[in-house]
Every structure is written in structure tokens, then in C-alpha cells.
Amino acid sequence: MVGQRWIEAMERVDYNTNRLPRGRRYAREGMVKEIEVVNGEVLARVKGSRPTPYRVRISLKKFGRQQKEKIKAIIAENPALASQLSLGKLPEEMLAVLARQHIHLLPASWKELTASCSCPDWANPCKHLAAVYYLLANEIDKDPFIIFALRGMDTGELMKAAGFSTGDTKKDAFVPYTELAVPAGEQTPWVEPDLTFENATKEALSALLTGSPLFYPAGDFKKHLLKAYRNVARALKELPLIEDSISFANINFCLLYPSNACFALSDVNFFAFPGGRLPDFLTGKKSSRKIPHEIDGKLALKKTSGELIGAERLLDIFVRLPLNPTLDGNSPSARFLNVAVAVAQALAREAAYLPEVISNPDGAFSVRYIPLVNSEKISKAIECLAKIVPVCFVFRERTRLCLPAGMPSCRSSPSSFPTWSRRFSGIEQEDKFCDTFFKGRYYAAARFEEKQTAKAVSDWLARLHAQAGDISPVIKIGLPEKATGLSCR
């Protein structure tokens, strides 16, 4: 672990002053209340004897232009190093390669460190600084590129040298509703996709993922993930379908999406509005919302009366409906839901999907499951789905943004179609990671040391996404918890 190498380096620096041990207890007892790296500098707050935490600042001597160019050349000429860097990992052998060029990532003396603390202790490092030095090891293990940042090199420079584009942080594909065009002409003719998918995602999970990732000290998280894949696939294959005929004639659905990038599935609602009466088993909370409507060939907000229905509840119904190629008399949104859920089930039955992390700037994150588009059948099914997405089907009320219909809705944005939580995963463990992966909740970074967890999880999953190639986010995969009281066959 590179974090351990940081500790070893700091202890070598401290060999003749013996100042670091005084901070070990502070670090162990949680006295460091906040730590972050901003513009190549460590900023931290450490609790001491006074009511207000002390402010700590730490920086390393920055690399010069020639050193940076040497580092870039070393990466560009070494495919093995470049491959590891592309997965968000800093191989330990890179430290030795750089050392042979007289470039040292880790500090070799106190002269390379500039540090200050607002406490009255004259010693440097004081116990507050020492505690931060120790805890930096945890942050470095989660994000090894922190060391380069402290030396004045950002991740983008390293990725470019490795021949990879870091890409922008996933851009919000939502746009102002006023920018959307109302499609002209008749409804797209229905062409039923072939949903007999075949995939080897479970084998990839087993081969490419490590068993006990750094972010999960409780054990082998890969076993939980593989178990969930097996259980969901088996349960879907055995799921009975609704026997009763259900009509959604003239009942329109608008998916009201939370504004945050990550959220709990329980925060997602559908708004059902006239003109038609909802079945008795699906009635929701009466509500009035301003949502986009087509008026004279354009979209305009219109106050509309309807009912709020939890996303899980509505989709528990659609998951039990057989795929109906026509859905005669039903609204375009009901038609889309029927097809989208059928595609999701087909993906889940063959484990043709991958977990992906979606994070907020504050370190909170959720996990969505995206289709593994590595076959012509899956690609055609996604294209078929894209053709029938209703305009303004997904709407963010607070920001008045919509997800564009068509392929942008199915390919460009992973936020396009949140569905039911994976309730039949069979994972009984009660911890934040299992809740996030398997129970439709989101991971809240309550402590500063949890703020890099999203990246650690993303790095763990990176091999899957690199192996997958062209993946196309559309649908979360899951199952209903229990029957809805309708007869099944």
C-alpha cells in the first residue's frame, strides 16, 4: 500500500526528532475532524484542548518543470505503469522507477515539508500536525494521486501522459425543458426487440475484482456482489406475471427526479395525471405540480392535478406485466415503462449489467446498474427503447430541467431511468456499503475519512468498465419485495 510507504517515509524523516509518535494517539482517537487537499495543499482541523479545533496546513516541495517532464516521459514509455494509472492505481514499482531518475514522490527530510498549526505549541510537528501526517496515509490509499497533487501535478497531467483521457466529470445530461423540441408526426412504429441476451458478466466480476477491497474491511465484498447477481437472476426467472388485465388508458406518467446526483430510491416518485382513473391498488397522494406539456407545438409549464406514486411501487406493477408489443389504448409513457422494465429484466436474467458509482461533491454516492452493451442484441434493444421515450418523461421540478428523449436519454445519461431497488439480492449484512449497493440507499460521507470512499469504490470497479468497453447506462436492476395482491400465473 502506498499509504504505508508514506508512513515509513515520515518515520524515516522523524528518526532523529521522534516527534511523530505524539500524534499517533490523536489520530487513533479521532481528533482530526476534517482533512482535504486543496490546490496541492493539505488543510485540516484537529480538536485540541480548546473548544475550537486547530487549523493545520501542510504542503510538500513542488516538482520543477524538468522533473514533471521526466515523470511524464517515464509513464509514456512504460505501458504497464500507464495501464495501472488508467485504473486509478499507483503501483509501488513506480516509486522505484522514479527514484532511479532521482525523483522522490515521498519526502526525505523535514526541509521538503512546509507545515503550520494554529495551536500554541512551538514544536513542529506538534501533535496536531503529527496526527494529520498519520491520517494522510488513509487518504493516500484511497486516492494515491494525492501525493502527485502535493507535488504540484494533477491527475489530468498523469492520465494524458499515460495516453488516456480522464474525461470530464459526468456532465448532467438534463437540459432546460424549453430547449426540447416536440417530435412531429405519428408515434414510432413498434419493432419488438429480441430480449434473449447472453453474457458473461458474472465471470468478469469473479476474474477482475479483488475479493477484499480497501474500502470494505468487513470482508470479501466480491462475494456479496456475486451472490446478489445470482439471486436476482434466479428470482426474475421464477417471477410470476400478473394475470389480470390492467389498463393505463390515457394515464400519463412523469418521473420526478431529485436534483442531487446521488439519492435514495425512496426519494424518486412518479406523477400520474389525467385523463384516466388509476386502478384502485395504485392510487397515490393527491397533488398538483407544474410540469411541461405540449401546447401549440411547444413545451410549456402547466399546473396539473394528479397523484404522486413512489417509483418502487409503480414499477413493482410493471415488472409483473408481460411485454406487450402494442399496449393498445395506453399512453406513450405507459408503453415506455412496459418496454423499459422488460429490457431491464432481460439484462438482469443474464447478469448483463455493471455497477457504477455516482457521487456528489460532498463525497456522498449512490450505485446504479448500467447495461453492458457488448452485443448486437443488447444494442438494438437499447435503440428500440430510445425511440419510444416520451418527451419530458424525466423532469427535475426545482431546476425545471428535463432529460432529452431518444438516444440521449438512454445512452448519454445514467440518470435516465431509475427503477426498483434490488430487493431479492439476498444480502442480509447491515452496513453502509451493502445498503448502497443492494438496498437502493446512498452512502453519506459523514466523516472526513469517508470522503474519498466513492473514488475507492470506483477504482475497485474500474477493471470491469475497462473490460466492458462501450457501456450504455439506462436502467437500474431490481425486483419487487412482495406481490401486489393481484392474481398471477
Protein backbone atom coordinates (compact mmCIF):
# COMPACT_ATOMS: atom_id res chain seq x y z
CA MET A 1 0.00 0.00 0.00
CA VAL A 2 1.32 3.42 -0.93
CA GLY A 3 -0.18 4.83 2.27
CA GLN A 4 2.10 2.56 4.30
CA ARG A 5 5.07 3.79 2.27
CA TRP A 6 4.07 7.34 3.26
CA ILE A 7 4.13 6.37 6.97
CA GLU A 8 7.52 4.68 6.55
CA ALA A 9 8.91 7.75 4.79
CA MET A 10 7.61 10.09 7.50
CA GLU A 11 9.10 7.89 10.24
CA ARG A 12 12.48 7.95 8.46
CA VAL A 13 12.27 11.74 8.30
CA ASP A 14 11.49 11.77 12.03
CA TYR A 15 14.24 9.35 13.08
CA ASN A 16 16.32 11.94 15.00
CA THR A 17 13.49 14.11 16.35
CA ASN A 18 10.91 11.49 17.43
CA ARG A 19 8.03 13.97 17.13
CA LEU A 20 5.53 11.86 15.21
CA PRO A 21 4.58 9.34 17.95
CA ARG A 22 2.88 12.10 19.95
CA GLY A 23 0.29 12.42 17.18
CA ARG A 24 -0.43 8.70 16.76
CA ARG A 25 -2.87 8.66 19.68
CA TYR A 26 -4.62 11.78 18.38
CA ALA A 27 -5.10 10.14 15.00
CA ARG A 28 -6.33 6.89 16.55
CA GLU A 29 -8.84 8.64 18.81
CA GLY A 30 -10.49 10.61 16.00
CA MET A 31 -9.23 14.05 16.99
CA VAL A 32 -8.75 15.02 13.33
CA LYS A 33 -12.16 16.38 12.40
CA GLU A 34 -11.57 17.35 8.78
CA ILE A 35 -8.91 16.85 6.16
CA GLU A 36 -8.81 17.73 2.47
CA VAL A 37 -6.34 18.52 -0.28
CA VAL A 38 -6.96 21.90 -1.95
CA ASN A 39 -4.69 23.26 -4.70
CA GLY A 40 -1.87 20.94 -3.72
CA GLU A 41 -2.07 21.75 0.00
CA VAL A 42 -3.42 19.72 2.91
CA LEU A 43 -5.94 21.61 5.03
CA ALA A 44 -7.15 20.03 8.27
CA ARG A 45 -8.93 20.79 11.53
CA VAL A 46 -7.79 18.97 14.68
CA LYS A 47 -9.51 19.01 18.06
CA GLY A 48 -7.30 20.01 20.96
CA SER A 49 -7.64 21.41 24.46
CA ARG A 50 -9.59 24.43 23.29
CA PRO A 51 -13.24 24.50 22.11
CA THR A 52 -12.36 25.47 18.54
CA PRO A 53 -10.34 22.92 16.52
CA TYR A 54 -6.86 23.99 15.48
CA ARG A 55 -6.19 24.73 11.81
CA VAL A 56 -3.44 22.73 10.14
CA ARG A 57 -1.77 23.39 6.78
CA ILE A 58 0.77 21.09 5.12
CA SER A 59 2.47 21.29 1.75
CA LEU A 60 5.30 19.45 0.02
CA LYS A 61 8.05 20.91 -2.11
CA LYS A 62 6.67 21.07 -5.65
CA PHE A 63 8.30 19.38 -8.63
CA GLY A 64 10.02 21.63 -11.14
CA ARG A 65 9.28 21.66 -14.87
CA GLN A 66 12.13 19.24 -15.72
CA GLN A 67 11.04 16.76 -13.05
CA LYS A 68 7.48 16.84 -14.33
CA GLU A 69 8.62 16.22 -17.91
CA LYS A 70 10.73 13.26 -16.76
CA ILE A 71 7.75 11.77 -14.91
CA LYS A 72 5.53 12.14 -17.98
CA ALA A 73 8.19 10.50 -20.18
CA ILE A 74 8.57 7.57 -17.78
CA ILE A 75 4.82 6.97 -17.80
CA ALA A 76 4.52 7.30 -21.58
CA GLU A 77 7.35 4.79 -22.14
CA ASN A 78 6.06 2.20 -19.68
CA PRO A 79 2.75 0.57 -20.76
CA ALA A 80 2.44 -1.39 -17.50
CA LEU A 81 2.61 1.78 -15.41
CA ALA A 82 0.25 3.58 -17.79
CA SER A 83 -2.29 0.76 -17.50
CA GLN A 84 -2.26 0.87 -13.70
CA LEU A 85 -2.58 4.66 -13.67
CA SER A 86 -5.57 4.45 -16.01
CA LEU A 87 -7.33 2.37 -13.36
CA GLY A 88 -6.68 4.97 -10.67
CA LYS A 89 -3.84 2.98 -9.09
CA LEU A 90 -0.28 3.99 -8.28
CA PRO A 91 1.92 0.88 -8.50
CA GLU A 92 4.64 0.77 -5.87
CA GLU A 93 7.24 -0.08 -8.50
CA MET A 94 6.72 3.41 -9.89
CA LEU A 95 8.35 4.82 -6.76
CA ALA A 96 11.49 2.81 -7.55
CA VAL A 97 11.45 3.78 -11.24
CA LEU A 98 11.23 7.46 -10.32
CA ALA A 99 13.92 7.10 -7.65
CA ARG A 100 16.37 5.83 -10.29
CA GLN A 101 15.82 9.18 -12.02
CA HIS A 102 16.48 10.97 -8.70
CA ILE A 103 12.81 11.90 -8.35
CA HIS A 104 11.24 11.15 -4.97
CA LEU A 105 7.49 11.31 -4.51
CA LEU A 106 7.73 10.80 -0.76
CA PRO A 107 9.50 13.32 1.49
CA ALA A 108 13.05 12.55 2.53
CA SER A 109 13.57 15.34 5.09
CA TRP A 110 11.68 17.98 7.04
CA LYS A 111 13.05 20.55 4.57
CA GLU A 112 10.65 19.21 1.94
CA LEU A 113 7.67 19.91 4.19
CA THR A 114 6.11 23.25 5.00
CA ALA A 115 3.63 22.95 7.84
CA SER A 116 1.81 25.11 10.34
CA CYS A 117 -0.75 24.71 13.14
CA SER A 118 -2.74 27.37 14.96
CA CYS A 119 -2.08 25.75 18.34
CA PRO A 120 0.29 27.44 20.85
CA ASP A 121 2.78 24.52 20.80
CA TRP A 122 6.12 25.76 19.44
CA ALA A 123 7.26 22.31 18.27
CA ASN A 124 6.96 21.39 14.62
CA PRO A 125 5.41 18.97 14.13
CA CYS A 126 3.14 19.39 17.09
CA LYS A 127 0.81 16.51 17.96
CA HIS A 128 -1.92 18.02 15.78
CA LEU A 129 0.32 18.10 12.72
CA ALA A 130 1.62 14.63 13.52
CA ALA A 131 -1.92 13.25 13.68
CA VAL A 132 -2.64 14.64 10.20
CA TYR A 133 0.59 13.09 8.84
CA TYR A 134 -0.62 9.69 10.04
CA LEU A 135 -4.14 10.06 8.69
CA LEU A 136 -2.87 11.19 5.30
CA ALA A 137 -1.86 7.55 4.79
CA ASN A 138 -5.56 6.55 4.73
CA GLU A 139 -6.35 9.27 2.18
CA ILE A 140 -3.41 8.25 0.00
CA ASP A 141 -4.51 4.61 0.00
CA LYS A 142 -7.94 5.68 -1.24
CA ASP A 143 -6.51 8.13 -3.79
CA PRO A 144 -2.77 7.62 -4.47
CA PHE A 145 -2.74 10.64 -6.80
CA ILE A 146 -2.87 12.85 -3.69
CA ILE A 147 0.92 12.50 -3.49
CA PHE A 148 1.31 13.89 -7.00
CA ALA A 149 -1.13 16.70 -6.17
CA LEU A 150 1.02 17.63 -3.18
CA ARG A 151 4.00 17.76 -5.53
CA GLY A 152 2.20 20.08 -7.96
CA MET A 153 0.98 17.56 -10.58
CA ASP A 154 -2.71 16.91 -11.14
CA THR A 155 -4.35 13.69 -12.27
CA GLY A 156 -5.08 15.08 -15.72
CA GLU A 157 -1.37 15.51 -16.47
CA LEU A 158 -0.65 11.92 -15.46
CA MET A 159 -3.55 10.47 -17.44
CA LYS A 160 -2.55 12.43 -20.53
CA ALA A 161 0.99 11.09 -20.24
CA ALA A 162 -0.42 7.57 -19.93
CA GLY A 163 -2.34 8.06 -23.17
CA PHE A 164 -5.75 8.16 -21.54
CA SER A 165 -8.28 10.92 -21.30
CA THR A 166 -9.66 11.43 -17.83
CA GLY A 167 -12.82 12.82 -19.44
CA ASP A 168 -14.92 15.40 -17.73
CA THR A 169 -16.82 14.50 -14.64
CA LYS A 170 -20.05 13.04 -15.92
CA LYS A 171 -21.95 16.02 -17.19
CA ASP A 172 -25.53 16.43 -16.27
CA ALA A 173 -27.45 15.44 -19.40
CA PHE A 174 -30.53 17.30 -18.19
CA VAL A 175 -31.39 20.44 -20.15
CA PRO A 176 -33.94 23.25 -19.72
CA TYR A 177 -37.33 21.99 -20.86
CA THR A 178 -37.61 25.00 -23.18
CA GLU A 179 -34.72 23.61 -25.25
CA LEU A 180 -36.51 20.38 -26.11
CA ALA A 181 -38.28 20.03 -29.43
CA VAL A 182 -41.70 18.42 -29.60
CA PRO A 183 -41.45 15.49 -32.04
CA ALA A 184 -43.61 15.82 -35.13
CA GLY A 185 -45.55 13.06 -36.82
CA GLU A 186 -47.14 9.86 -35.61
CA GLN A 187 -45.89 7.56 -32.90
CA THR A 188 -42.85 5.48 -33.84
CA PRO A 189 -43.90 2.10 -35.29
CA TRP A 190 -43.26 -0.68 -32.83
CA VAL A 191 -40.50 -3.19 -33.59
CA GLU A 192 -40.22 -5.75 -30.81
CA PRO A 193 -36.59 -6.32 -29.76
CA ASP A 194 -35.04 -9.72 -29.21
CA LEU A 195 -34.52 -9.93 -25.45
CA THR A 196 -32.71 -13.28 -25.38
CA PHE A 197 -29.40 -11.87 -24.18
CA GLU A 198 -26.29 -13.85 -23.36
CA ASN A 199 -23.42 -12.51 -21.30
CA ALA A 200 -20.50 -13.40 -19.10
CA THR A 201 -20.58 -10.54 -16.62
CA LYS A 202 -20.50 -12.83 -13.60
CA GLU A 203 -17.30 -14.44 -14.88
CA ALA A 204 -15.79 -10.98 -15.37
CA LEU A 205 -16.80 -9.99 -11.85
CA SER A 206 -15.10 -13.05 -10.44
CA ALA A 207 -11.94 -12.70 -12.51
CA LEU A 208 -11.37 -8.95 -12.46
CA LEU A 209 -12.46 -7.79 -9.00
CA THR A 210 -10.35 -8.24 -5.89
CA GLY A 211 -12.05 -10.04 -3.03
CA SER A 212 -11.35 -7.71 -0.11
CA PRO A 213 -11.11 -4.12 -1.35
CA LEU A 214 -9.62 -1.44 0.86
CA PHE A 215 -12.95 0.33 1.33
CA TYR A 216 -14.60 -2.78 2.87
CA PRO A 217 -12.70 -4.02 5.93
CA ALA A 218 -15.66 -6.23 6.92
CA GLY A 219 -14.67 -9.00 4.49
CA ASP A 220 -14.97 -10.15 0.89
CA PHE A 221 -17.30 -7.71 -0.85
CA LYS A 222 -16.97 -9.51 -4.17
CA LYS A 223 -18.81 -12.48 -2.65
CA HIS A 224 -21.73 -10.22 -1.76
CA LEU A 225 -21.86 -8.85 -5.30
CA LEU A 226 -21.72 -12.28 -6.94
CA LYS A 227 -24.41 -13.56 -4.59
CA ALA A 228 -26.65 -10.63 -5.45
CA TYR A 229 -26.21 -11.26 -9.19
CA ARG A 230 -27.14 -14.94 -8.78
CA ASN A 231 -30.15 -14.27 -6.57
CA VAL A 232 -31.60 -11.50 -8.74
CA ALA A 233 -31.22 -13.56 -11.93
CA ARG A 234 -32.82 -16.64 -10.36
CA ALA A 235 -35.72 -14.72 -8.84
CA LEU A 236 -36.51 -12.93 -12.10
CA LYS A 237 -36.62 -16.20 -13.99
CA GLU A 238 -39.16 -17.52 -11.49
CA LEU A 239 -41.22 -14.34 -11.19
CA PRO A 240 -44.94 -14.95 -11.90
CA LEU A 241 -46.71 -12.50 -14.16
CA ILE A 242 -49.92 -10.59 -13.46
CA GLU A 243 -52.91 -12.43 -14.84
CA ASP A 244 -55.40 -9.58 -14.54
CA SER A 245 -55.74 -7.19 -17.44
CA ILE A 246 -54.51 -3.73 -16.43
CA SER A 247 -55.36 -0.67 -18.44
CA PHE A 248 -53.39 2.55 -18.33
CA ALA A 249 -55.54 4.16 -20.99
CA ASN A 250 -54.93 7.92 -21.09
CA ILE A 251 -52.93 7.81 -17.84
CA ASN A 252 -49.71 9.75 -18.24
CA PHE A 253 -46.62 9.32 -16.08
CA CYS A 254 -43.84 11.81 -15.41
CA LEU A 255 -40.79 10.70 -13.46
CA LEU A 256 -39.95 13.41 -10.90
CA TYR A 257 -36.23 13.23 -10.40
CA PRO A 258 -34.23 14.50 -7.40
CA SER A 259 -31.79 17.32 -8.12
CA ASN A 260 -28.78 15.67 -6.48
CA ALA A 261 -26.61 13.30 -8.48
CA CYS A 262 -26.99 10.59 -5.85
CA PHE A 263 -30.08 9.82 -3.82
CA ALA A 264 -32.08 7.06 -2.19
CA LEU A 265 -34.55 5.23 -4.40
CA SER A 266 -37.27 6.16 -1.92
CA ASP A 267 -36.78 9.81 -2.98
CA VAL A 268 -37.99 9.09 -6.53
CA ASN A 269 -41.67 9.48 -7.43
CA PHE A 270 -43.87 9.22 -10.48
CA PHE A 271 -46.55 11.82 -11.07
CA ALA A 272 -49.63 10.26 -12.65
CA PHE A 273 -52.05 12.67 -14.24
CA PRO A 274 -55.28 12.55 -16.31
CA GLY A 275 -57.23 11.77 -18.18
CA GLY A 276 -57.92 8.41 -16.77
CA ARG A 277 -58.59 6.78 -13.44
CA LEU A 278 -55.79 4.90 -11.73
CA PRO A 279 -56.51 1.32 -10.68
CA ASP A 280 -57.54 1.17 -7.01
CA PHE A 281 -54.38 -0.69 -6.00
CA LEU A 282 -52.21 2.06 -7.45
CA THR A 283 -53.77 5.24 -6.15
CA GLY A 284 -51.32 7.67 -4.60
CA LYS A 285 -51.20 11.01 -2.84
CA LYS A 286 -53.26 13.75 -4.44
CA SER A 287 -51.01 16.53 -5.70
CA SER A 288 -50.74 19.46 -8.06
CA ARG A 289 -47.47 20.07 -9.94
CA LYS A 290 -46.17 22.33 -12.64
CA ILE A 291 -44.85 20.03 -15.34
CA PRO A 292 -44.09 20.51 -19.07
CA HIS A 293 -46.93 19.95 -21.54
CA GLU A 294 -47.10 20.27 -25.29
CA ILE A 295 -49.06 23.44 -26.12
CA ASP A 296 -49.31 24.60 -29.74
CA GLY A 297 -46.28 22.56 -30.76
CA LYS A 298 -44.09 23.81 -27.90
CA LEU A 299 -43.40 22.80 -24.32
CA ALA A 300 -44.75 24.98 -21.54
CA LEU A 301 -45.21 24.52 -17.79
CA LYS A 302 -48.77 23.88 -16.80
CA LYS A 303 -50.22 23.33 -13.36
CA THR A 304 -51.58 19.80 -13.37
CA SER A 305 -53.61 17.79 -10.87
CA GLY A 306 -52.66 14.18 -10.35
CA GLU A 307 -51.26 11.67 -7.88
CA LEU A 308 -47.76 11.01 -6.57
CA ILE A 309 -46.74 7.36 -6.63
CA GLY A 310 -43.44 6.02 -5.31
CA ALA A 311 -41.20 4.75 -8.12
CA GLU A 312 -40.74 1.37 -6.44
CA ARG A 313 -44.48 0.91 -6.04
CA LEU A 314 -45.37 1.68 -9.66
CA LEU A 315 -42.55 -0.40 -11.05
CA ASP A 316 -43.50 -3.33 -8.83
CA ILE A 317 -46.56 -3.49 -11.08
CA PHE A 318 -44.76 -3.09 -14.39
CA VAL A 319 -42.17 -5.73 -13.52
CA ARG A 320 -45.01 -8.29 -13.38
CA LEU A 321 -46.56 -7.27 -16.69
CA PRO A 322 -45.65 -9.25 -19.81
CA LEU A 323 -44.08 -7.33 -22.67
CA ASN A 324 -46.97 -6.04 -24.79
CA PRO A 325 -45.87 -5.02 -28.29
CA THR A 326 -48.78 -2.64 -28.75
CA LEU A 327 -50.32 -1.65 -25.40
CA ASP A 328 -53.36 -0.52 -27.36
CA GLY A 329 -55.07 2.48 -25.87
CA ASN A 330 -52.32 3.15 -23.33
CA SER A 331 -50.32 6.34 -23.05
CA PRO A 332 -46.80 6.63 -24.54
CA SER A 333 -45.33 6.80 -21.02
CA ALA A 334 -47.06 3.55 -20.00
CA ARG A 335 -45.82 1.94 -23.21
CA PHE A 336 -42.28 3.10 -22.49
CA LEU A 337 -42.40 1.81 -18.91
CA ASN A 338 -43.57 -1.60 -20.09
CA VAL A 339 -40.74 -1.92 -22.60
CA ALA A 340 -38.06 -0.42 -20.34
CA VAL A 341 -38.86 -2.79 -17.49
CA ALA A 342 -38.88 -5.74 -19.90
CA VAL A 343 -35.40 -4.76 -21.13
CA ALA A 344 -34.21 -4.38 -17.53
CA GLN A 345 -35.48 -7.84 -16.65
CA ALA A 346 -33.77 -9.40 -19.65
CA LEU A 347 -30.49 -7.74 -18.67
CA ALA A 348 -30.83 -8.90 -15.07
CA ARG A 349 -31.68 -12.50 -16.00
CA GLU A 350 -28.38 -12.80 -17.86
CA ALA A 351 -26.36 -10.57 -15.50
CA ALA A 352 -25.68 -8.22 -18.41
CA TYR A 353 -25.15 -5.14 -16.28
CA LEU A 354 -22.44 -3.47 -14.23
CA PRO A 355 -22.40 -1.41 -11.02
CA GLU A 356 -21.28 2.19 -11.35
CA VAL A 357 -20.69 4.89 -8.73
CA ILE A 358 -22.43 8.27 -8.95
CA SER A 359 -21.10 10.82 -6.46
CA ASN A 360 -21.85 14.27 -5.12
CA PRO A 361 -19.10 16.85 -4.45
CA ASP A 362 -19.52 16.29 -0.69
CA GLY A 363 -18.38 12.65 -1.03
CA ALA A 364 -21.84 11.06 -0.85
CA PHE A 365 -22.51 8.48 -3.55
CA SER A 366 -25.04 6.00 -4.82
CA VAL A 367 -24.67 2.94 -7.04
CA ARG A 368 -26.62 2.47 -10.23
CA TYR A 369 -26.53 -0.51 -12.53
CA ILE A 370 -25.89 0.09 -16.21
CA PRO A 371 -26.37 -2.26 -19.17
CA LEU A 372 -23.30 -3.97 -20.51
CA VAL A 373 -23.74 -3.15 -24.19
CA ASN A 374 -21.35 -5.64 -25.74
CA SER A 375 -23.66 -7.49 -28.11
CA GLU A 376 -25.76 -6.53 -31.11
CA LYS A 377 -28.96 -7.75 -29.42
CA ILE A 378 -28.47 -5.52 -26.39
CA SER A 379 -27.54 -2.56 -28.57
CA LYS A 380 -30.69 -2.99 -30.68
CA ALA A 381 -32.87 -3.31 -27.58
CA ILE A 382 -31.46 -0.02 -26.23
CA GLU A 383 -32.06 1.65 -29.60
CA CYS A 384 -35.63 0.36 -29.63
CA LEU A 385 -36.17 1.79 -26.16
CA ALA A 386 -34.68 5.14 -27.15
CA LYS A 387 -37.19 5.54 -29.97
CA ILE A 388 -40.19 5.49 -27.64
CA VAL A 389 -39.02 7.68 -24.74
CA PRO A 390 -41.72 10.35 -24.32
CA VAL A 391 -40.57 13.95 -24.38
CA CYS A 392 -40.12 15.32 -20.84
CA PHE A 393 -40.67 11.89 -19.31
CA VAL A 394 -37.97 12.64 -16.71
CA PHE A 395 -38.28 16.06 -15.04
CA ARG A 396 -36.49 17.88 -12.24
CA GLU A 397 -39.02 20.24 -10.73
CA ARG A 398 -36.73 22.50 -8.73
CA THR A 399 -34.38 23.27 -11.61
CA ARG A 400 -37.00 22.81 -14.37
CA LEU A 401 -34.71 20.52 -16.31
CA CYS A 402 -35.69 17.56 -18.48
CA LEU A 403 -33.81 14.56 -19.74
CA PRO A 404 -33.84 14.66 -23.56
CA ALA A 405 -35.85 11.90 -25.19
CA GLY A 406 -34.38 9.47 -27.68
CA MET A 407 -30.85 8.11 -27.52
CA PRO A 408 -29.50 10.90 -25.26
CA SER A 409 -31.99 9.71 -22.66
CA CYS A 410 -30.88 6.09 -22.96
CA ARG A 411 -27.17 6.44 -23.72
CA SER A 412 -25.85 9.81 -22.59
CA SER A 413 -27.21 9.95 -19.07
CA PRO A 414 -27.02 7.26 -16.43
CA SER A 415 -29.79 9.13 -14.65
CA SER A 416 -32.29 8.32 -17.37
CA PHE A 417 -34.34 5.58 -15.75
CA PRO A 418 -34.13 4.80 -12.03
CA THR A 419 -36.06 1.69 -11.10
CA TRP A 420 -36.76 -0.55 -8.19
CA SER A 421 -34.13 -1.46 -5.62
CA ARG A 422 -32.54 -4.88 -5.80
CA ARG A 423 -34.68 -6.38 -3.06
CA PHE A 424 -34.06 -10.01 -3.95
CA SER A 425 -30.30 -9.71 -3.70
CA GLY A 426 -30.41 -11.85 -0.56
CA ILE A 427 -27.72 -9.74 1.13
CA GLU A 428 -28.56 -9.54 4.82
CA GLN A 429 -25.50 -7.66 6.06
CA GLU A 430 -26.33 -4.32 7.65
CA ASP A 431 -23.62 -1.87 6.68
CA LYS A 432 -23.34 1.28 4.58
CA PHE A 433 -21.86 -0.47 1.56
CA CYS A 434 -24.44 -3.24 1.37
CA ASP A 435 -27.18 -0.66 1.86
CA THR A 436 -25.78 1.39 -1.02
CA PHE A 437 -25.18 -1.48 -3.44
CA PHE A 438 -28.19 -3.65 -2.69
CA LYS A 439 -30.91 -1.64 -0.95
CA GLY A 440 -31.31 1.47 -3.06
CA ARG A 441 -29.85 3.85 -0.46
CA TYR A 442 -26.98 6.30 -0.78
CA TYR A 443 -23.70 6.45 1.08
CA ALA A 444 -23.40 9.61 3.15
CA ALA A 445 -19.80 10.64 3.83
CA ALA A 446 -20.36 11.54 7.48
CA ARG A 447 -16.67 11.68 8.41
CA PHE A 448 -13.81 13.27 6.55
CA GLU A 449 -12.09 9.91 6.02
CA GLU A 450 -15.17 8.72 4.10
CA LYS A 451 -15.00 11.49 1.50
CA GLN A 452 -12.57 9.53 -0.69
CA THR A 453 -14.63 6.34 -0.44
CA ALA A 454 -16.52 6.98 -3.67
CA LYS A 455 -13.25 7.08 -5.58
CA ALA A 456 -12.00 3.94 -3.83
CA VAL A 457 -15.15 2.07 -4.89
CA SER A 458 -14.88 3.46 -8.44
CA ASP A 459 -11.26 2.34 -8.64
CA TRP A 460 -12.27 -1.15 -7.49
CA LEU A 461 -14.86 -1.35 -10.26
CA ALA A 462 -12.61 0.25 -12.90
CA ARG A 463 -11.37 -3.04 -14.33
CA LEU A 464 -14.93 -4.08 -15.12
CA HIS A 465 -15.63 -0.88 -17.00
CA ALA A 466 -12.32 -1.01 -18.85
CA GLN A 467 -13.14 -4.59 -19.88
CA ALA A 468 -16.66 -3.71 -20.86
CA GLY A 469 -15.62 -1.14 -23.44
CA ASP A 470 -18.67 0.67 -24.73
CA ILE A 471 -21.22 0.61 -21.95
CA SER A 472 -24.51 2.37 -22.08
CA PRO A 473 -26.27 3.47 -18.88
CA VAL A 474 -30.02 3.10 -18.84
CA ILE A 475 -31.66 1.07 -16.14
CA LYS A 476 -31.16 0.01 -12.55
CA ILE A 477 -31.86 -3.65 -12.00
CA GLY A 478 -34.02 -4.96 -9.17
CA LEU A 479 -37.07 -6.83 -8.03
CA PRO A 480 -40.28 -6.19 -6.14
CA GLU A 481 -40.34 -7.17 -2.49
CA LYS A 482 -43.71 -8.81 -2.48
CA ALA A 483 -46.79 -9.34 -4.55
CA THR A 484 -49.25 -6.52 -5.03
CA GLY A 485 -52.34 -8.54 -4.30
CA LEU A 486 -53.06 -9.27 -7.96
CA SER A 487 -53.58 -12.77 -9.24
CA CYS A 488 -50.58 -14.30 -11.02
CA ARG A 489 -49.91 -17.25 -13.23
